PDB file of N, CA and C in Angstrom:
ATOM      1  N   MET A   1      35.262 -90.299-168.219  1.00  0.00           N
ATOM      2  CA  MET A   1      36.550 -89.279-167.464  1.00  0.00           C
ATOM      3  C   MET A   1      37.327 -89.411-166.434  1.00  0.00           C
ATOM      4  N   GLU A   2      38.260 -88.818-166.092  1.00  0.00           N
ATOM      5  CA  GLU A   2      38.393 -88.919-164.917  1.00  0.00           C
ATOM      6  C   GLU A   2      38.635 -87.388-164.733  1.00  0.00           C
ATOM      7  N   LEU A   3      38.259 -87.368-163.158  1.00  0.00           N
ATOM      8  CA  LEU A   3      38.220 -85.862-162.707  1.00  0.00           C
ATOM      9  C   LEU A   3      39.923 -85.832-161.581  1.00  0.00           C
ATOM     10  N   SER A   4      40.388 -84.710-161.701  1.00  0.00           N
ATOM     11  CA  SER A   4      41.797 -84.361-161.230  1.00  0.00           C
ATOM     12  C   SER A   4      41.540 -83.928-159.731  1.00  0.00           C
ATOM     13  N   LEU A   5      41.922 -84.563-159.091  1.00  0.00           N
ATOM     14  CA  LEU A   5      41.473 -83.643-157.505  1.00  0.00           C
ATOM     15  C   LEU A   5      42.239 -82.065-157.469  1.00  0.00           C
ATOM     16  N   ALA A   6      43.297 -81.710-158.126  1.00  0.00           N
ATOM     17  CA  ALA A   6      43.727 -80.649-158.494  1.00  0.00           C
ATOM     18  C   ALA A   6      42.378 -79.555-159.305  1.00  0.00           C
ATOM     19  N   GLY A   7      42.159 -80.500-160.363  1.00  0.00           N
ATOM     20  CA  GLY A   7      40.618 -79.738-161.181  1.00  0.00           C
ATOM     21  C   GLY A   7      39.438 -79.652-160.608  1.00  0.00           C
ATOM     22  N   VAL A   8      39.272 -80.210-159.469  1.00  0.00           N
ATOM     23  CA  VAL A   8      38.388 -80.047-158.590  1.00  0.00           C
ATOM     24  C   VAL A   8      38.439 -79.141-157.458  1.00  0.00           C
ATOM     25  N   VAL A   9      39.710 -79.386-157.302  1.00  0.00           N
ATOM     26  CA  VAL A   9      39.766 -78.414-155.865  1.00  0.00           C
ATOM     27  C   VAL A   9      39.671 -77.147-156.549  1.00  0.00           C
ATOM     28  N   GLY A  10      40.445 -76.537-157.930  1.00  0.00           N
ATOM     29  CA  GLY A  10      40.174 -75.248-158.653  1.00  0.00           C
ATOM     30  C   GLY A  10      39.598 -75.344-158.763  1.00  0.00           C
ATOM     31  N   ALA A  11      38.115 -75.786-159.372  1.00  0.00           N
ATOM     32  CA  ALA A  11      37.005 -75.351-159.821  1.00  0.00           C
ATOM     33  C   ALA A  11      36.061 -75.090-158.863  1.00  0.00           C
ATOM     34  N   ALA A  12      36.116 -75.852-157.417  1.00  0.00           N
ATOM     35  CA  ALA A  12      35.111 -74.968-156.105  1.00  0.00           C
ATOM     36  C   ALA A  12      36.095 -73.687-155.371  1.00  0.00           C
ATOM     37  N   VAL A  13      37.517 -73.260-155.954  1.00  0.00           N
ATOM     38  CA  VAL A  13      37.845 -72.017-155.373  1.00  0.00           C
ATOM     39  C   VAL A  13      37.345 -71.357-156.288  1.00  0.00           C
ATOM     40  N   GLY A  14      37.680 -71.478-157.731  1.00  0.00           N
ATOM     41  CA  GLY A  14      36.904 -70.743-159.036  1.00  0.00           C
ATOM     42  C   GLY A  14      35.281 -70.361-158.026  1.00  0.00           C
ATOM     43  N   VAL A  15      34.678 -71.298-158.080  1.00  0.00           N
ATOM     44  CA  VAL A  15      33.545 -70.665-157.371  1.00  0.00           C
ATOM     45  C   VAL A  15      33.223 -69.403-156.373  1.00  0.00           C
ATOM     46  N   GLY A  16      34.207 -70.076-155.475  1.00  0.00           N
ATOM     47  CA  GLY A  16      34.008 -69.023-154.509  1.00  0.00           C
ATOM     48  C   GLY A  16      34.665 -67.903-154.996  1.00  0.00           C
ATOM     49  N   VAL A  17      35.688 -67.496-155.457  1.00  0.00           N
ATOM     50  CA  VAL A  17      35.314 -66.216-156.513  1.00  0.00           C
ATOM     51  C   VAL A  17      34.627 -66.023-157.110  1.00  0.00           C
ATOM     52  N   GLY A  18      33.851 -66.239-157.770  1.00  0.00           N
ATOM     53  CA  GLY A  18      32.827 -65.853-158.476  1.00  0.00           C
ATOM     54  C   GLY A  18      31.767 -65.537-157.752  1.00  0.00           C
ATOM     55  N   LEU A  19      31.395 -66.181-156.694  1.00  0.00           N
ATOM     56  CA  LEU A  19      30.649 -65.355-155.960  1.00  0.00           C
ATOM     57  C   LEU A  19      30.370 -64.229-155.583  1.00  0.00           C
ATOM     58  N   VAL A  20      32.151 -64.185-155.158  1.00  0.00           N
ATOM     59  CA  VAL A  20      32.918 -62.682-154.447  1.00  0.00           C
ATOM     60  C   VAL A  20      32.292 -61.762-155.894  1.00  0.00           C
ATOM     61  N   ASP A  21      32.959 -61.783-156.705  1.00  0.00           N
ATOM     62  CA  ASP A  21      33.152 -61.285-158.000  1.00  0.00           C
ATOM     63  C   ASP A  21      31.270 -61.251-158.046  1.00  0.00           C
ATOM     64  N   TYR A  22      30.102 -62.054-158.198  1.00  0.00           N
ATOM     65  CA  TYR A  22      28.883 -61.709-158.490  1.00  0.00           C
ATOM     66  C   TYR A  22      28.417 -60.963-157.461  1.00  0.00           C
ATOM     67  N   GLY A  23      28.645 -60.893-156.258  1.00  0.00           N
ATOM     68  CA  GLY A  23      28.352 -60.060-155.394  1.00  0.00           C
ATOM     69  C   GLY A  23      28.592 -58.384-156.091  1.00  0.00           C
ATOM     70  N   VAL A  24      30.120 -58.287-156.093  1.00  0.00           N
ATOM     71  CA  VAL A  24      30.223 -56.653-156.609  1.00  0.00           C
ATOM     72  C   VAL A  24      29.650 -56.652-157.754  1.00  0.00           C
ATOM     73  N   ILE A  25      29.368 -57.104-159.037  1.00  0.00           N
ATOM     74  CA  ILE A  25      29.029 -56.688-159.645  1.00  0.00           C
ATOM     75  C   ILE A  25      27.175 -56.950-159.805  1.00  0.00           C
ATOM     76  N   ALA A  26      26.718 -57.816-159.301  1.00  0.00           N
ATOM     77  CA  ALA A  26      25.647 -58.078-158.572  1.00  0.00           C
ATOM     78  C   ALA A  26      25.116 -55.995-157.933  1.00  0.00           C
ATOM     79  N   SER A  27      25.962 -55.902-157.388  1.00  0.00           N
ATOM     80  CA  SER A  27      25.487 -54.394-156.167  1.00  0.00           C
ATOM     81  C   SER A  27      25.341 -53.210-157.388  1.00  0.00           C
ATOM     82  N   VAL A  28      26.443 -53.384-158.404  1.00  0.00           N
ATOM     83  CA  VAL A  28      26.348 -52.050-159.777  1.00  0.00           C
ATOM     84  C   VAL A  28      25.345 -52.352-160.518  1.00  0.00           C
ATOM     85  N   VAL A  29      25.010 -53.289-160.833  1.00  0.00           N
ATOM     86  CA  VAL A  29      24.078 -53.685-161.681  1.00  0.00           C
ATOM     87  C   VAL A  29      22.764 -53.435-161.314  1.00  0.00           C
ATOM     88  N   ARG A  30      22.207 -53.641-160.007  1.00  0.00           N
ATOM     89  CA  ARG A  30      21.299 -53.179-158.821  1.00  0.00           C
ATOM     90  C   ARG A  30      21.281 -51.489-158.615  1.00  0.00           C
ATOM     91  N   ARG A  31      22.044 -51.200-158.034  1.00  0.00           N
ATOM     92  CA  ARG A  31      22.535 -49.357-157.761  1.00  0.00           C
ATOM     93  C   ARG A  31      22.205 -49.094-159.354  1.00  0.00           C
ATOM     94  N   ALA A  32      22.627 -49.494-160.585  1.00  0.00           N
ATOM     95  CA  ALA A  32      22.286 -48.483-161.673  1.00  0.00           C
ATOM     96  C   ALA A  32      20.613 -49.257-162.367  1.00  0.00           C
ATOM     97  N   LEU A  33      20.037 -49.897-161.699  1.00  0.00           N
ATOM     98  CA  LEU A  33      18.483 -50.358-161.992  1.00  0.00           C
ATOM     99  C   LEU A  33      18.086 -49.760-160.866  1.00  0.00           C
ATOM    100  N   GLU A  34      18.150 -49.231-160.164  1.00  0.00           N
ATOM    101  CA  GLU A  34      17.564 -48.056-159.051  1.00  0.00           C
ATOM    102  C   GLU A  34      18.081 -46.798-159.337  1.00  0.00           C
ATOM    103  N   ARG A  35      18.730 -46.695-160.213  1.00  0.00           N
ATOM    104  CA  ARG A  35      18.702 -44.996-160.732  1.00  0.00           C
ATOM    105  C   ARG A  35      17.890 -44.769-161.735  1.00  0.00           C
ATOM    106  N   ARG A  36      17.828 -45.433-162.710  1.00  0.00           N
ATOM    107  CA  ARG A  36      16.459 -45.924-163.500  1.00  0.00           C
ATOM    108  C   ARG A  36      15.542 -46.593-163.550  1.00  0.00           C
ATOM    109  N   PRO A  37      14.661 -45.688-162.562  1.00  0.00           N
ATOM    110  CA  PRO A  37      13.153 -46.704-162.030  1.00  0.00           C
ATOM    111  C   PRO A  37      12.020 -46.836-163.663  1.00  0.00           C
ATOM    112  N   GLY A  38      11.253 -48.019-163.534  1.00  0.00           N
ATOM    113  CA  GLY A  38      10.953 -48.361-164.849  1.00  0.00           C
ATOM    114  C   GLY A  38      11.430 -48.646-165.982  1.00  0.00           C
ATOM    115  N   TRP A  39      12.975 -48.542-166.201  1.00  0.00           N
ATOM    116  CA  TRP A  39      13.643 -48.730-167.503  1.00  0.00           C
ATOM    117  C   TRP A  39      13.037 -50.209-167.390  1.00  0.00           C
ATOM    118  N   ILE A  40      13.452 -51.199-166.574  1.00  0.00           N
ATOM    119  CA  ILE A  40      12.998 -52.484-166.575  1.00  0.00           C
ATOM    120  C   ILE A  40      11.972 -53.096-165.378  1.00  0.00           C
ATOM    121  N   GLU A  41      11.492 -54.106-165.624  1.00  0.00           N
ATOM    122  CA  GLU A  41      10.348 -54.503-164.349  1.00  0.00           C
ATOM    123  C   GLU A  41      10.894 -55.173-163.832  1.00  0.00           C
ATOM    124  N   PRO A  42      10.322 -55.364-162.783  1.00  0.00           N
ATOM    125  CA  PRO A  42      11.277 -56.228-161.903  1.00  0.00           C
ATOM    126  C   PRO A  42      11.318 -57.578-161.893  1.00  0.00           C
ATOM    127  N   ARG A  43      10.294 -58.048-162.762  1.00  0.00           N
ATOM    128  CA  ARG A  43      10.470 -59.761-163.053  1.00  0.00           C
ATOM    129  C   ARG A  43      11.654 -59.501-163.922  1.00  0.00           C
ATOM    130  N   ARG A  44      12.091 -58.648-165.155  1.00  0.00           N
ATOM    131  CA  ARG A  44      12.784 -59.164-165.742  1.00  0.00           C
ATOM    132  C   ARG A  44      14.205 -58.617-165.393  1.00  0.00           C
ATOM    133  N   ALA A  45      14.412 -58.033-164.049  1.00  0.00           N
ATOM    134  CA  ALA A  45      15.318 -57.651-163.384  1.00  0.00           C
ATOM    135  C   ALA A  45      15.983 -59.069-162.697  1.00  0.00           C
ATOM    136  N   ASP A  46      14.913 -59.819-162.093  1.00  0.00           N
ATOM    137  CA  ASP A  46      15.321 -61.305-161.582  1.00  0.00           C
ATOM    138  C   ASP A  46      15.936 -62.484-162.151  1.00  0.00           C
ATOM    139  N   LEU A  47      15.309 -62.346-163.524  1.00  0.00           N
ATOM    140  CA  LEU A  47      15.733 -62.961-164.321  1.00  0.00           C
ATOM    141  C   LEU A  47      17.180 -62.948-164.551  1.00  0.00           C
ATOM    142  N   LEU A  48      17.639 -61.274-164.846  1.00  0.00           N
ATOM    143  CA  LEU A  48      18.937 -60.736-165.401  1.00  0.00           C
ATOM    144  C   LEU A  48      19.852 -61.121-164.286  1.00  0.00           C
ATOM    145  N   MET A  49      18.848 -60.874-162.930  1.00  0.00           N
ATOM    146  CA  MET A  49      20.389 -61.522-161.691  1.00  0.00           C
ATOM    147  C   MET A  49      20.491 -62.767-161.934  1.00  0.00           C
ATOM    148  N   LYS A  50      19.464 -64.005-162.310  1.00  0.00           N
ATOM    149  CA  LYS A  50      19.741 -65.372-162.210  1.00  0.00           C
ATOM    150  C   LYS A  50      20.818 -65.528-162.839  1.00  0.00           C
ATOM    151  N   VAL A  51      20.775 -65.313-164.345  1.00  0.00           N
ATOM    152  CA  VAL A  51      21.528 -65.442-165.724  1.00  0.00           C
ATOM    153  C   VAL A  51      23.077 -64.926-165.128  1.00  0.00           C
ATOM    154  N   LEU A  52      23.081 -63.772-164.399  1.00  0.00           N
ATOM    155  CA  LEU A  52      24.199 -63.332-164.099  1.00  0.00           C
ATOM    156  C   LEU A  52      25.511 -64.031-163.426  1.00  0.00           C
ATOM    157  N   PHE A  53      24.195 -64.896-162.184  1.00  0.00           N
ATOM    158  CA  PHE A  53      24.839 -65.685-161.546  1.00  0.00           C
ATOM    159  C   PHE A  53      25.384 -66.896-161.940  1.00  0.00           C
ATOM    160  N   VAL A  54      24.427 -67.664-162.584  1.00  0.00           N
ATOM    161  CA  VAL A  54      25.106 -68.728-163.292  1.00  0.00           C
ATOM    162  C   VAL A  54      26.316 -68.776-164.082  1.00  0.00           C
ATOM    163  N   VAL A  55      26.054 -68.264-165.313  1.00  0.00           N
ATOM    164  CA  VAL A  55      27.065 -67.303-166.243  1.00  0.00           C
ATOM    165  C   VAL A  55      28.201 -67.207-165.280  1.00  0.00           C
ATOM    166  N   ASN A  56      28.472 -66.216-164.137  1.00  0.00           N
ATOM    167  CA  ASN A  56      29.651 -66.279-163.670  1.00  0.00           C
ATOM    168  C   ASN A  56      29.849 -67.091-162.120  1.00  0.00           C
ATOM    169  N   ALA A  57      29.048 -68.489-162.170  1.00  0.00           N
ATOM    170  CA  ALA A  57      29.504 -69.464-161.782  1.00  0.00           C
ATOM    171  C   ALA A  57      30.054 -70.244-162.766  1.00  0.00           C
ATOM    172  N   ILE A  58      29.870 -70.476-163.709  1.00  0.00           N
ATOM    173  CA  ILE A  58      30.066 -71.655-164.575  1.00  0.00           C
ATOM    174  C   ILE A  58      31.772 -70.967-165.381  1.00  0.00           C
ATOM    175  N   VAL A  59      31.789 -69.631-165.320  1.00  0.00           N
ATOM    176  CA  VAL A  59      32.696 -69.435-166.616  1.00  0.00           C
ATOM    177  C   VAL A  59      33.835 -69.402-165.319  1.00  0.00           C
ATOM    178  N   PHE A  60      33.689 -68.798-164.043  1.00  0.00           N
ATOM    179  CA  PHE A  60      34.853 -68.976-162.723  1.00  0.00           C
ATOM    180  C   PHE A  60      35.037 -70.336-162.124  1.00  0.00           C
ATOM    181  N   ALA A  61      34.322 -71.090-162.527  1.00  0.00           N
ATOM    182  CA  ALA A  61      34.563 -72.566-162.257  1.00  0.00           C
ATOM    183  C   ALA A  61      35.089 -73.079-163.236  1.00  0.00           C
ATOM    184  N   ALA A  62      35.340 -72.800-164.361  1.00  0.00           N
ATOM    185  CA  ALA A  62      36.157 -73.232-165.083  1.00  0.00           C
ATOM    186  C   ALA A  62      37.133 -72.922-165.430  1.00  0.00           C
ATOM    187  N   LEU A  63      37.623 -71.440-165.053  1.00  0.00           N
ATOM    188  CA  LEU A  63      38.481 -70.904-165.275  1.00  0.00           C
ATOM    189  C   LEU A  63      39.831 -71.620-164.123  1.00  0.00           C
ATOM    190  N   GLY A  64      39.076 -71.713-162.758  1.00  0.00           N
ATOM    191  CA  GLY A  64      39.684 -72.449-161.567  1.00  0.00           C
ATOM    192  C   GLY A  64      40.127 -73.933-161.848  1.00  0.00           C
ATOM    193  N   TRP A  65      38.945 -74.836-162.310  1.00  0.00           N
ATOM    194  CA  TRP A  65      39.414 -76.284-163.315  1.00  0.00           C
ATOM    195  C   TRP A  65      40.707 -75.975-163.986  1.00  0.00           C
ATOM    196  N   TRP A  66      40.637 -74.966-164.870  1.00  0.00           N
ATOM    197  CA  TRP A  66      41.699 -74.891-165.585  1.00  0.00           C
ATOM    198  C   TRP A  66      42.984 -74.320-165.494  1.00  0.00           C
ATOM    199  N   LEU A  67      42.954 -73.584-163.941  1.00  0.00           N
ATOM    200  CA  LEU A  67      43.932 -73.679-163.072  1.00  0.00           C
ATOM    201  C   LEU A  67      44.626 -74.339-162.666  1.00  0.00           C
ATOM    202  N   GLY A  68      44.068 -75.113-161.678  1.00  0.00           N
ATOM    203  CA  GLY A  68      43.955 -76.234-161.285  1.00  0.00           C
ATOM    204  C   GLY A  68      44.969 -77.193-161.815  1.00  0.00           C
ATOM    205  N   VAL A  69      44.219 -77.338-163.028  1.00  0.00           N
ATOM    206  CA  VAL A  69      45.094 -79.053-163.707  1.00  0.00           C
ATOM    207  C   VAL A  69      46.342 -78.005-164.327  1.00  0.00           C
ATOM    208  N   SER A  70      45.865 -77.067-164.648  1.00  0.00           N
ATOM    209  CA  SER A  70      47.375 -76.561-165.377  1.00  0.00           C
ATOM    210  C   SER A  70      48.977 -76.127-163.858  1.00  0.00           C
ATOM    211  N   VAL A  71      48.316 -75.790-163.389  1.00  0.00           N
ATOM    212  CA  VAL A  71      49.096 -75.973-161.924  1.00  0.00           C
ATOM    213  C   VAL A  71      49.506 -77.076-161.787  1.00  0.00           C
ATOM    214  N   ALA A  72      49.103 -78.140-161.646  1.00  0.00           N
ATOM    215  CA  ALA A  72      49.491 -79.916-161.273  1.00  0.00           C
ATOM    216  C   ALA A  72      49.891 -79.910-162.312  1.00  0.00           C
ATOM    217  N   GLY A  73      49.769 -79.540-163.598  1.00  0.00           N
ATOM    218  CA  GLY A  73      50.378 -80.656-164.458  1.00  0.00           C
ATOM    219  C   GLY A  73      49.155 -81.562-164.965  1.00  0.00           C
ATOM    220  N   THR A  74      48.441 -81.733-164.451  1.00  0.00           N
ATOM    221  CA  THR A  74      47.646 -82.702-164.714  1.00  0.00           C
ATOM    222  C   THR A  74      46.302 -83.055-166.201  1.00  0.00           C
ATOM    223  N   GLY A  75      46.911 -81.535-166.695  1.00  0.00           N
ATOM    224  CA  GLY A  75      45.666 -81.527-168.101  1.00  0.00           C
ATOM    225  C   GLY A  75      46.004 -82.333-169.317  1.00  0.00           C
ATOM    226  N   LEU A  76      46.552 -81.759-170.219  1.00  0.00           N
ATOM    227  CA  LEU A  76      46.161 -83.066-171.530  1.00  0.00           C
ATOM    228  C   LEU A  76      47.685 -83.030-171.476  1.00  0.00           C
ATOM    229  N   PRO A  77      48.138 -83.920-172.414  1.00  0.00           N
ATOM    230  CA  PRO A  77      49.379 -84.348-172.585  1.00  0.00           C
ATOM    231  C   PRO A  77      50.117 -83.424-173.490  1.00  0.00           C
ATOM    232  N   ALA A  78      51.598 -83.302-173.268  1.00  0.00           N
ATOM    233  CA  ALA A  78      52.660 -82.660-174.496  1.00  0.00           C
ATOM    234  C   ALA A  78      52.371 -83.041-175.597  1.00  0.00           C
ATOM    235  N   PRO A  79      51.998 -82.364-177.198  1.00  0.00           N
ATOM    236  CA  PRO A  79      52.122 -82.361-178.270  1.00  0.00           C
ATOM    237  C   PRO A  79      53.747 -83.401-178.283  1.00  0.00           C
ATOM    238  N   GLY A  80      53.780 -84.499-179.338  1.00  0.00           N
ATOM    239  CA  GLY A  80      54.803 -85.135-179.616  1.00  0.00           C
ATOM    240  C   GLY A  80      55.236 -85.717-178.833  1.00  0.00           C
TER     241      GLY A  80
END
């Protein structure tokens, strides 16, 4: 499998955008959890935040990769 530079750069930018998005979403989730004390135990809340981070990073990296190869025109060849 070949790695295109456009895809790698797009994935890196996607992870950066994902980190910013994670910061926003994490603060909203933390505020919601603080409003309801005892609703979820702290250990589960930590696990929730870790899962949220990993899913967010993977999704934004994939979107960045796709956007990078789409803009550069190095994705899959056109049919026909």
